C-alpha atoms as a PDB file:
ATOM      1  CA  MET A   1      -0.214  10.787   6.206  1.00  0.00           C
ATOM      2  CA  ALA A   2      -0.562   7.545   4.358  1.00  0.00           C
ATOM      3  CA  ALA A   3       0.886   5.569   1.503  1.00  0.00           C
ATOM      4  CA  LYS A   4      -0.801   5.616  -1.884  1.00  0.00           C
ATOM      5  CA  ILE A   5      -0.504   3.055  -4.649  1.00  0.00           C
ATOM      6  CA  THR A   6      -0.103   4.620  -8.082  1.00  0.00           C
ATOM      7  CA  ASP A   7      -1.371   3.418 -11.428  1.00  0.00           C
ATOM      8  CA  ILE A   8       1.943   1.725 -12.265  1.00  0.00           C
ATOM      9  CA  CYS A   9       1.117  -1.060  -9.789  1.00  0.00           C
ATOM     10  CA  ILE A  10       1.552  -4.540 -11.285  1.00  0.00           C
ATOM     11  CA  ALA A  11      -0.794  -6.136  -8.707  1.00  0.00           C
ATOM     12  CA  CYS A  12       1.802  -8.600  -7.418  1.00  0.00           C
ATOM     13  CA  GLY A  13       0.436  -8.582  -3.850  1.00  0.00           C
ATOM     14  CA  ALA A  14       3.788  -8.075  -2.129  1.00  0.00           C
ATOM     15  CA  CYS A  15       2.573  -4.964  -0.320  1.00  0.00           C
ATOM     16  CA  ILE A  16      -0.556  -6.662   1.012  1.00  0.00           C
ATOM     17  CA  ASP A  17       1.478  -9.475   2.520  1.00  0.00           C
ATOM     18  CA  GLU A  18       3.850  -7.049   4.280  1.00  0.00           C
ATOM     19  CA  CYS A  19       1.413  -4.489   5.712  1.00  0.00           C
ATOM     20  CA  PRO A  20       1.396  -4.939   9.507  1.00  0.00           C
ATOM     21  CA  VAL A  21      -1.957  -3.183   9.964  1.00  0.00           C
ATOM     22  CA  GLU A  22      -3.783  -4.660   6.956  1.00  0.00           C
ATOM     23  CA  ALA A  23      -4.351  -1.218   5.430  1.00  0.00           C
ATOM     24  CA  ILE A  24      -3.873  -2.420   1.838  1.00  0.00           C
ATOM     25  CA  VAL A  25      -6.520  -4.262  -0.162  1.00  0.00           C
ATOM     26  CA  ASP A  26      -6.541  -5.645  -3.670  1.00  0.00           C
ATOM     27  CA  ASP A  27      -8.721  -4.453  -6.534  1.00  0.00           C
ATOM     28  CA  SER A  28     -11.644  -6.696  -5.592  1.00  0.00           C
ATOM     29  CA  GLU A  29     -11.937  -4.911  -2.227  1.00  0.00           C
ATOM     30  CA  ASN A  30     -11.171  -1.365  -3.403  1.00  0.00           C
ATOM     31  CA  PRO A  31     -13.963   0.807  -1.926  1.00  0.00           C
ATOM     32  CA  THR A  32     -13.755   3.277  -4.814  1.00  0.00           C
ATOM     33  CA  GLY A  33     -14.606   0.576  -7.335  1.00  0.00           C
ATOM     34  CA  ALA A  34     -11.390   1.210  -9.232  1.00  0.00           C
ATOM     35  CA  ASP A  35      -9.497  -1.754 -10.625  1.00  0.00           C
ATOM     36  CA  THR A  36      -6.389  -1.005  -8.534  1.00  0.00           C
ATOM     37  CA  TYR A  37      -4.931  -1.817  -5.134  1.00  0.00           C
ATOM     38  CA  TYR A  38      -5.969   0.609  -2.404  1.00  0.00           C
ATOM     39  CA  VAL A  39      -4.520   1.896   0.884  1.00  0.00           C
ATOM     40  CA  TYR A  40      -6.962   2.865   3.609  1.00  0.00           C
ATOM     41  CA  ALA A  41      -5.511   6.193   4.765  1.00  0.00           C
ATOM     42  CA  ASP A  42      -7.201   5.927   8.156  1.00  0.00           C
ATOM     43  CA  LYS A  43      -5.468   2.591   8.813  1.00  0.00           C
ATOM     44  CA  CYS A  44      -2.014   3.276   7.320  1.00  0.00           C
ATOM     45  CA  VAL A  45       0.604   4.164   9.941  1.00  0.00           C
ATOM     46  CA  GLU A  46       3.550   4.233   7.502  1.00  0.00           C
ATOM     47  CA  CYS A  47       4.879   1.364   9.646  1.00  0.00           C
ATOM     48  CA  VAL A  48       5.773   3.678  12.547  1.00  0.00           C
ATOM     49  CA  GLY A  49       6.191   1.403  15.529  1.00  0.00           C
ATOM     50  CA  HIS A  50       6.375  -1.680  13.294  1.00  0.00           C
ATOM     51  CA  HIS A  51       9.323  -1.242  10.903  1.00  0.00           C
ATOM     52  CA  ASP A  52      12.114   1.270  10.264  1.00  0.00           C
ATOM     53  CA  SER A  53      10.540   2.219   6.924  1.00  0.00           C
ATOM     54  CA  PRO A  54       7.231   1.471   5.191  1.00  0.00           C
ATOM     55  CA  ALA A  55       7.160  -2.283   4.590  1.00  0.00           C
ATOM     56  CA  CYS A  56       4.970  -1.942   1.510  1.00  0.00           C
ATOM     57  CA  MET A  57       7.550   0.245  -0.209  1.00  0.00           C
ATOM     58  CA  GLU A  58      10.372  -2.120   0.717  1.00  0.00           C
ATOM     59  CA  ALA A  59       8.475  -5.135  -0.642  1.00  0.00           C
ATOM     60  CA  CYS A  60       7.272  -3.516  -3.859  1.00  0.00           C
ATOM     61  CA  PRO A  61       9.259  -4.569  -6.941  1.00  0.00           C
ATOM     62  CA  THR A  62       8.008  -1.578  -8.967  1.00  0.00           C
ATOM     63  CA  GLU A  63       9.962   1.604  -8.280  1.00  0.00           C
ATOM     64  CA  GLY A  64       7.700   4.577  -7.681  1.00  0.00           C
ATOM     65  CA  CYS A  65       4.567   2.510  -7.340  1.00  0.00           C
ATOM     66  CA  ILE A  66       3.950   3.420  -3.700  1.00  0.00           C
ATOM     67  CA  VAL A  67       4.311   7.010  -2.561  1.00  0.00           C
ATOM     68  CA  LEU A  68       3.965   8.586   0.877  1.00  0.00           C
ATOM     69  CA  GLY A  69       1.946  11.552   1.961  1.00  0.00           C
ATOM     70  CA  ALA A  70      -0.704  11.157  -0.648  1.00  0.00           C
END
């Protein structure tokens, strides 16, 4: 499973800075071409082995912006 960033993202960059495996990219690097942040599902480990909970979710100031299992 992996985290997914929803369309309520405010593009603050907090999640990118906290991701220990660099699975999150900003809109300029989104492989889908969408103007949103993106989580590479094949790289996301939900912080298992790095943190007690997903660091991106902890750092995000927007409730509900990042969801798991998407």
